[in-house]
Amino acid sequence: MSRADEIFVENIKDILENGFSDENLEVRPHWADGTPAHTIKKFGVVNRYNLKEEFPILTIRKTYLKSAIDEMLWIWQKKSNRIADLHSHVWDSWADENGTIGKAYGYQLGVKHHYKEGEFDQVDRVLYDLKHNPQSRRILTNIYNHHDLGEMMLYPCAYSMTFNVSGRTLNGILNQRSQDMLTANNWNVAQYAVLMHMMAQVSDLEVGELVHVIADAHIYDRHIPIVKEIIENQQYPAPEFVMNKEIKDFYGFSRDDFKLKGYECNTKKYDIPVAI
């Protein structure tokens, strides 16, 4: 079975059995019909994925890896805030009249900053340090910029990535302030696992561990029956992750350079409402 399945099932059961419900509190999120979107949540969930052992993707529910990668490349490679630069429509609800999400996500990664070594944006600074200063404890990105929050259509959920090199092994910590466990948990895990593989390959390193830290891991009220069904689905072995080994330039990857070999999973499509 997939280790990602085991972790997800453990998380969901723990939240449902031991989580805090905000059903009697006033909340900001709401459903499309205007009804408040309440949650049951756990604080400070930490999950560890050994990327050397297997690729962390669910088999109890299909994760559309190519679409997840497309969104990750939109943020980290294109550094874009324009939804037209995406192949999917997952961000349409947060677009402004100009078709952007404001100064959020990719926009923040693309802003250049001055360092003693020169001028870099956050992604290029990481790439530079992984090659020139791999033992540094300062290799990280942070897109939760308080100065620009008022001009963001959505505050960043996954806001910080810290990279750490031990010998020839690249490890990473993904910090997330908020996580909709049904719609986004494995989506984000798979995205940042791919990012780790990319960063390791172009830096001549070996991929290691991805640690996912979630401050507020929650399940929305209308999602509870769905997650209860999903965690009872049949589990399959983790598939083999395949990446184009010829690419040594971070900006040379496309979403077609990645695939999963032998991905068996539950293919039922669920009608999942999204809280806004």
Protein backbone atom coordinates (compact mmCIF):
# COMPACT_ATOMS: atom_id res chain seq x y z
CA MET A 1 0.00 0.00 0.00
CA SER A 2 1.01 3.61 -0.43
CA ARG A 3 2.54 5.35 2.58
CA ALA A 4 0.66 8.47 1.47
CA ASP A 5 -2.60 6.51 1.89
CA GLU A 6 -1.62 5.46 5.40
CA ILE A 7 -0.75 9.01 6.45
CA PHE A 8 -3.91 10.47 4.93
CA VAL A 9 -6.16 7.89 6.60
CA GLU A 10 -4.44 8.48 9.96
CA ASN A 11 -4.89 12.25 9.60
CA ILE A 12 -8.56 12.02 8.66
CA LYS A 13 -9.43 9.61 11.47
CA ASP A 14 -7.58 11.75 14.01
CA ILE A 15 -9.35 14.92 12.89
CA LEU A 16 -12.79 13.29 12.90
CA GLU A 17 -12.28 11.59 16.27
CA ASN A 18 -10.26 14.20 18.15
CA GLY A 19 -10.66 17.47 16.24
CA PHE A 20 -12.21 20.77 17.28
CA SER A 21 -15.48 21.80 15.61
CA ASP A 22 -16.26 25.46 14.88
CA GLU A 23 -19.94 24.76 14.11
CA ASN A 24 -21.11 27.19 16.80
CA LEU A 25 -18.69 29.96 15.84
CA GLU A 26 -18.80 32.71 13.23
CA VAL A 27 -16.54 31.78 10.29
CA ARG A 28 -15.33 33.55 7.13
CA PRO A 29 -15.56 30.67 4.56
CA HIS A 30 -18.92 29.98 2.97
CA TRP A 31 -20.47 27.73 0.37
CA ALA A 32 -21.69 28.94 -3.02
CA ASP A 33 -25.24 29.15 -1.64
CA GLY A 34 -24.09 31.53 1.11
CA THR A 35 -24.24 28.99 3.93
CA PRO A 36 -21.31 29.22 6.40
CA ALA A 37 -18.71 26.52 5.75
CA HIS A 38 -17.84 25.05 9.14
CA THR A 39 -14.95 22.69 9.83
CA ILE A 40 -13.56 20.17 12.25
CA LYS A 41 -9.82 20.63 12.64
CA LYS A 42 -6.54 19.64 14.27
CA PHE A 43 -3.73 22.07 15.05
CA GLY A 44 -0.10 21.36 14.21
CA VAL A 45 -0.21 18.27 12.00
CA VAL A 46 3.27 17.13 10.87
CA ASN A 47 3.72 14.47 8.19
CA ARG A 48 6.99 13.02 6.86
CA TYR A 49 7.47 11.52 3.40
CA ASN A 50 10.67 9.69 2.45
CA LEU A 51 10.94 10.46 -1.25
CA LYS A 52 13.78 7.95 -1.62
CA GLU A 53 11.39 5.14 -0.79
CA GLU A 54 8.29 6.07 -2.81
CA PHE A 55 6.37 8.88 -4.40
CA PRO A 56 3.67 10.18 -2.00
CA ILE A 57 0.45 9.97 -3.98
CA LEU A 58 -2.93 8.65 -2.88
CA THR A 59 -4.34 5.47 -4.36
CA ILE A 60 -7.61 5.51 -2.38
CA ARG A 61 -8.54 8.55 -4.48
CA LYS A 62 -7.01 9.62 -7.77
CA THR A 63 -4.71 12.64 -7.69
CA TYR A 64 -4.36 14.27 -11.10
CA LEU A 65 -0.60 14.68 -11.08
CA LYS A 66 -0.21 16.50 -14.40
CA SER A 67 -2.66 19.22 -13.32
CA ALA A 68 -0.98 19.48 -9.92
CA ILE A 69 2.42 19.86 -11.57
CA ASP A 70 1.03 22.46 -13.98
CA GLU A 71 -0.09 24.58 -11.02
CA MET A 72 3.26 24.12 -9.24
CA LEU A 73 5.17 25.19 -12.35
CA TRP A 74 2.83 28.18 -12.71
CA ILE A 75 3.91 29.33 -9.26
CA TRP A 76 7.57 28.26 -9.08
CA GLN A 77 8.74 28.33 -12.68
CA LYS A 78 6.54 30.87 -14.45
CA LYS A 79 6.17 32.91 -11.23
CA SER A 80 2.84 34.00 -12.62
CA ASN A 81 -0.31 35.39 -11.06
CA ARG A 82 -2.38 35.24 -14.26
CA ILE A 83 -4.91 32.41 -14.33
CA ALA A 84 -4.72 32.32 -18.16
CA ASP A 85 -1.23 30.85 -17.74
CA LEU A 86 -2.78 27.72 -16.19
CA HIS A 87 -4.31 24.82 -18.07
CA SER A 88 -6.92 24.22 -15.35
CA HIS A 89 -9.60 26.47 -13.86
CA VAL A 90 -9.00 25.80 -10.15
CA TRP A 91 -8.14 29.46 -9.49
CA ASP A 92 -11.00 31.04 -11.40
CA SER A 93 -13.00 31.82 -8.24
CA TRP A 94 -10.19 34.01 -6.92
CA ALA A 95 -9.40 35.98 -10.08
CA ASP A 96 -9.82 39.76 -10.16
CA GLU A 97 -11.16 41.85 -13.05
CA ASN A 98 -7.73 41.68 -14.69
CA GLY A 99 -7.60 37.88 -14.60
CA THR A 100 -4.96 37.72 -11.86
CA ILE A 101 -4.84 36.67 -8.21
CA GLY A 102 -3.08 39.91 -7.32
CA LYS A 103 0.33 39.99 -5.66
CA ALA A 104 0.07 36.38 -4.51
CA TYR A 105 1.96 33.11 -4.94
CA GLY A 106 4.05 33.25 -8.13
CA TYR A 107 4.16 37.02 -8.06
CA GLN A 108 5.96 36.93 -4.70
CA LEU A 109 8.51 34.34 -5.86
CA GLY A 110 9.35 36.46 -8.88
CA VAL A 111 10.12 39.71 -7.04
CA LYS A 112 13.86 40.39 -7.15
CA HIS A 113 15.86 41.20 -4.03
CA HIS A 114 19.38 42.50 -3.65
CA TYR A 115 22.06 40.34 -2.01
CA LYS A 116 25.81 40.76 -1.75
CA GLU A 117 26.19 38.14 -4.51
CA GLY A 118 23.82 40.02 -6.82
CA GLU A 119 20.11 40.37 -7.54
CA PHE A 120 17.89 37.27 -7.34
CA ASP A 121 14.25 36.39 -7.02
CA GLN A 122 13.43 33.79 -4.37
CA VAL A 123 13.54 30.75 -6.67
CA ASP A 124 16.83 31.75 -8.29
CA ARG A 125 18.32 32.43 -4.86
CA VAL A 126 17.45 28.86 -3.80
CA LEU A 127 18.95 27.45 -7.00
CA TYR A 128 22.11 29.54 -6.50
CA ASP A 129 22.56 28.46 -2.88
CA LEU A 130 21.95 24.77 -3.55
CA LYS A 131 24.84 24.86 -6.01
CA HIS A 132 27.18 27.33 -4.28
CA ASN A 133 26.25 27.20 -0.57
CA PRO A 134 24.64 23.76 -0.04
CA GLN A 135 25.48 23.64 3.68
CA SER A 136 23.73 26.95 4.32
CA ARG A 137 20.86 26.94 6.81
CA ARG A 138 19.30 29.94 5.07
CA ILE A 139 17.90 28.31 1.93
CA LEU A 140 14.20 29.09 2.03
CA THR A 141 11.32 30.94 0.40
CA ASN A 142 8.51 32.87 2.05
CA ILE A 143 5.56 34.32 0.15
CA TYR A 144 3.48 35.49 3.13
CA ASN A 145 4.44 39.13 2.64
CA HIS A 146 2.38 41.29 5.00
CA HIS A 147 3.15 44.39 2.94
CA ASP A 148 1.25 42.93 -0.03
CA LEU A 149 -1.55 40.96 1.68
CA GLY A 150 -4.07 43.71 0.91
CA GLU A 151 -3.39 43.22 -2.80
CA MET A 152 -3.76 39.43 -2.79
CA MET A 153 -7.03 37.80 -3.85
CA LEU A 154 -6.17 34.89 -1.55
CA TYR A 155 -3.67 34.80 1.29
CA PRO A 156 -1.07 32.06 0.62
CA CYS A 157 -1.89 28.71 2.22
CA ALA A 158 1.39 26.92 1.47
CA TYR A 159 3.62 29.89 2.23
CA SER A 160 7.16 28.73 2.98
CA MET A 161 9.59 26.11 1.72
CA THR A 162 12.86 25.42 3.54
CA PHE A 163 15.59 23.39 1.83
CA ASN A 164 18.35 21.65 3.75
CA VAL A 165 21.26 19.63 2.37
CA SER A 166 22.80 16.80 4.41
CA GLY A 167 25.82 15.51 2.53
CA ARG A 168 24.41 14.87 -0.95
CA THR A 169 20.78 14.57 0.21
CA LEU A 170 18.25 17.36 -0.26
CA ASN A 171 15.49 17.55 2.35
CA GLY A 172 12.67 20.07 2.58
CA ILE A 173 10.01 21.45 4.91
CA LEU A 174 6.73 22.75 3.51
CA ASN A 175 4.95 25.10 5.92
CA GLN A 176 1.23 25.56 5.43
CA ARG A 177 -1.02 27.84 7.49
CA SER A 178 -4.25 26.16 6.36
CA GLN A 179 -5.15 22.88 4.65
CA ASP A 180 -8.47 21.70 3.23
CA MET A 181 -7.69 18.03 3.72
CA LEU A 182 -10.07 16.67 1.10
CA THR A 183 -9.50 19.00 -1.81
CA ALA A 184 -5.87 19.99 -1.35
CA ASN A 185 -3.84 17.75 0.97
CA ASN A 186 -2.39 15.20 -1.42
CA TRP A 187 -2.46 17.73 -4.25
CA ASN A 188 0.04 19.88 -2.32
CA VAL A 189 2.11 16.93 -1.12
CA ALA A 190 2.50 15.61 -4.68
CA GLN A 191 3.36 19.09 -6.00
CA TYR A 192 6.12 19.70 -3.51
CA ALA A 193 7.45 16.16 -3.85
CA VAL A 194 7.90 16.88 -7.57
CA LEU A 195 9.51 20.23 -6.74
CA MET A 196 11.96 18.43 -4.45
CA HIS A 197 12.86 16.00 -7.24
CA MET A 198 13.38 18.91 -9.64
CA MET A 199 15.55 20.90 -7.24
CA ALA A 200 17.66 17.84 -6.41
CA GLN A 201 18.24 16.90 -10.03
CA VAL A 202 19.30 20.35 -11.25
CA SER A 203 21.55 20.78 -8.18
CA ASP A 204 23.28 17.39 -8.60
CA LEU A 205 21.82 16.15 -5.31
CA GLU A 206 19.77 13.15 -4.22
CA VAL A 207 16.21 13.66 -3.09
CA GLY A 208 15.50 12.91 0.55
CA GLU A 209 12.66 13.71 2.94
CA LEU A 210 9.72 16.08 2.57
CA VAL A 211 8.25 17.25 5.88
CA HIS A 212 4.79 18.82 5.67
CA VAL A 213 3.81 21.08 8.59
CA ILE A 214 0.14 22.11 8.69
CA ALA A 215 -0.99 24.69 11.24
CA ASP A 216 -4.75 24.20 10.70
CA ALA A 217 -5.66 20.84 9.11
CA HIS A 218 -9.42 20.82 8.60
CA ILE A 219 -12.32 18.97 7.04
CA TYR A 220 -15.33 20.99 5.94
CA ASP A 221 -18.77 19.91 7.16
CA ARG A 222 -20.03 19.02 3.66
CA HIS A 223 -16.87 16.97 3.03
CA ILE A 224 -17.25 14.64 6.02
CA PRO A 225 -19.36 11.94 4.31
CA ILE A 226 -16.98 11.97 1.32
CA VAL A 227 -13.79 11.52 3.35
CA LYS A 228 -15.42 8.77 5.40
CA GLU A 229 -16.06 6.88 2.15
CA ILE A 230 -12.62 7.57 0.68
CA ILE A 231 -10.63 6.28 3.65
CA GLU A 232 -12.46 2.94 3.34
CA ASN A 233 -11.50 2.52 -0.33
CA GLN A 234 -9.09 -0.18 -1.47
CA GLN A 235 -5.41 0.73 -1.21
CA TYR A 236 -2.83 -0.07 -3.88
CA PRO A 237 0.98 -0.02 -3.93
CA ALA A 238 2.63 3.32 -4.60
CA PRO A 239 3.46 3.88 -8.29
CA GLU A 240 6.93 4.57 -9.67
CA PHE A 241 7.72 8.23 -10.25
CA VAL A 242 9.51 8.88 -13.54
CA MET A 243 11.19 12.19 -14.41
CA ASN A 244 13.14 13.26 -17.48
CA LYS A 245 16.73 12.77 -16.29
CA GLU A 246 18.19 14.78 -19.17
CA ILE A 247 17.03 18.13 -17.81
CA LYS A 248 19.58 20.03 -15.73
CA ASP A 249 17.97 23.48 -15.94
CA PHE A 250 15.08 24.16 -13.55
CA TYR A 251 13.35 26.25 -16.22
CA GLY A 252 13.67 23.48 -18.80
CA PHE A 253 11.00 21.24 -17.24
CA SER A 254 7.46 21.01 -18.59
CA ARG A 255 4.53 19.13 -17.13
CA ASP A 256 5.12 16.41 -19.73
CA ASP A 257 8.52 15.55 -18.22
CA PHE A 258 6.90 13.65 -15.34
CA LYS A 259 4.78 10.54 -15.16
CA LEU A 260 3.71 7.76 -12.85
CA LYS A 261 4.35 4.17 -13.89
CA GLY A 262 1.84 1.61 -12.62
CA TYR A 263 -0.51 4.07 -10.92
CA GLU A 264 -3.46 1.99 -9.71
CA CYS A 265 -6.10 3.92 -7.78
CA ASN A 266 -9.77 4.37 -7.04
CA THR A 267 -11.17 6.22 -10.06
CA LYS A 268 -14.57 7.22 -8.68
CA LYS A 269 -15.26 10.90 -9.30
CA TYR A 270 -16.67 12.73 -6.30
CA ASP A 271 -18.86 15.82 -6.41
CA ILE A 272 -16.86 17.98 -4.03
CA PRO A 273 -18.08 21.49 -3.17
CA VAL A 274 -15.36 24.08 -2.61
CA ALA A 275 -15.64 26.60 0.22
CA ILE A 276 -14.77 30.17 -0.69
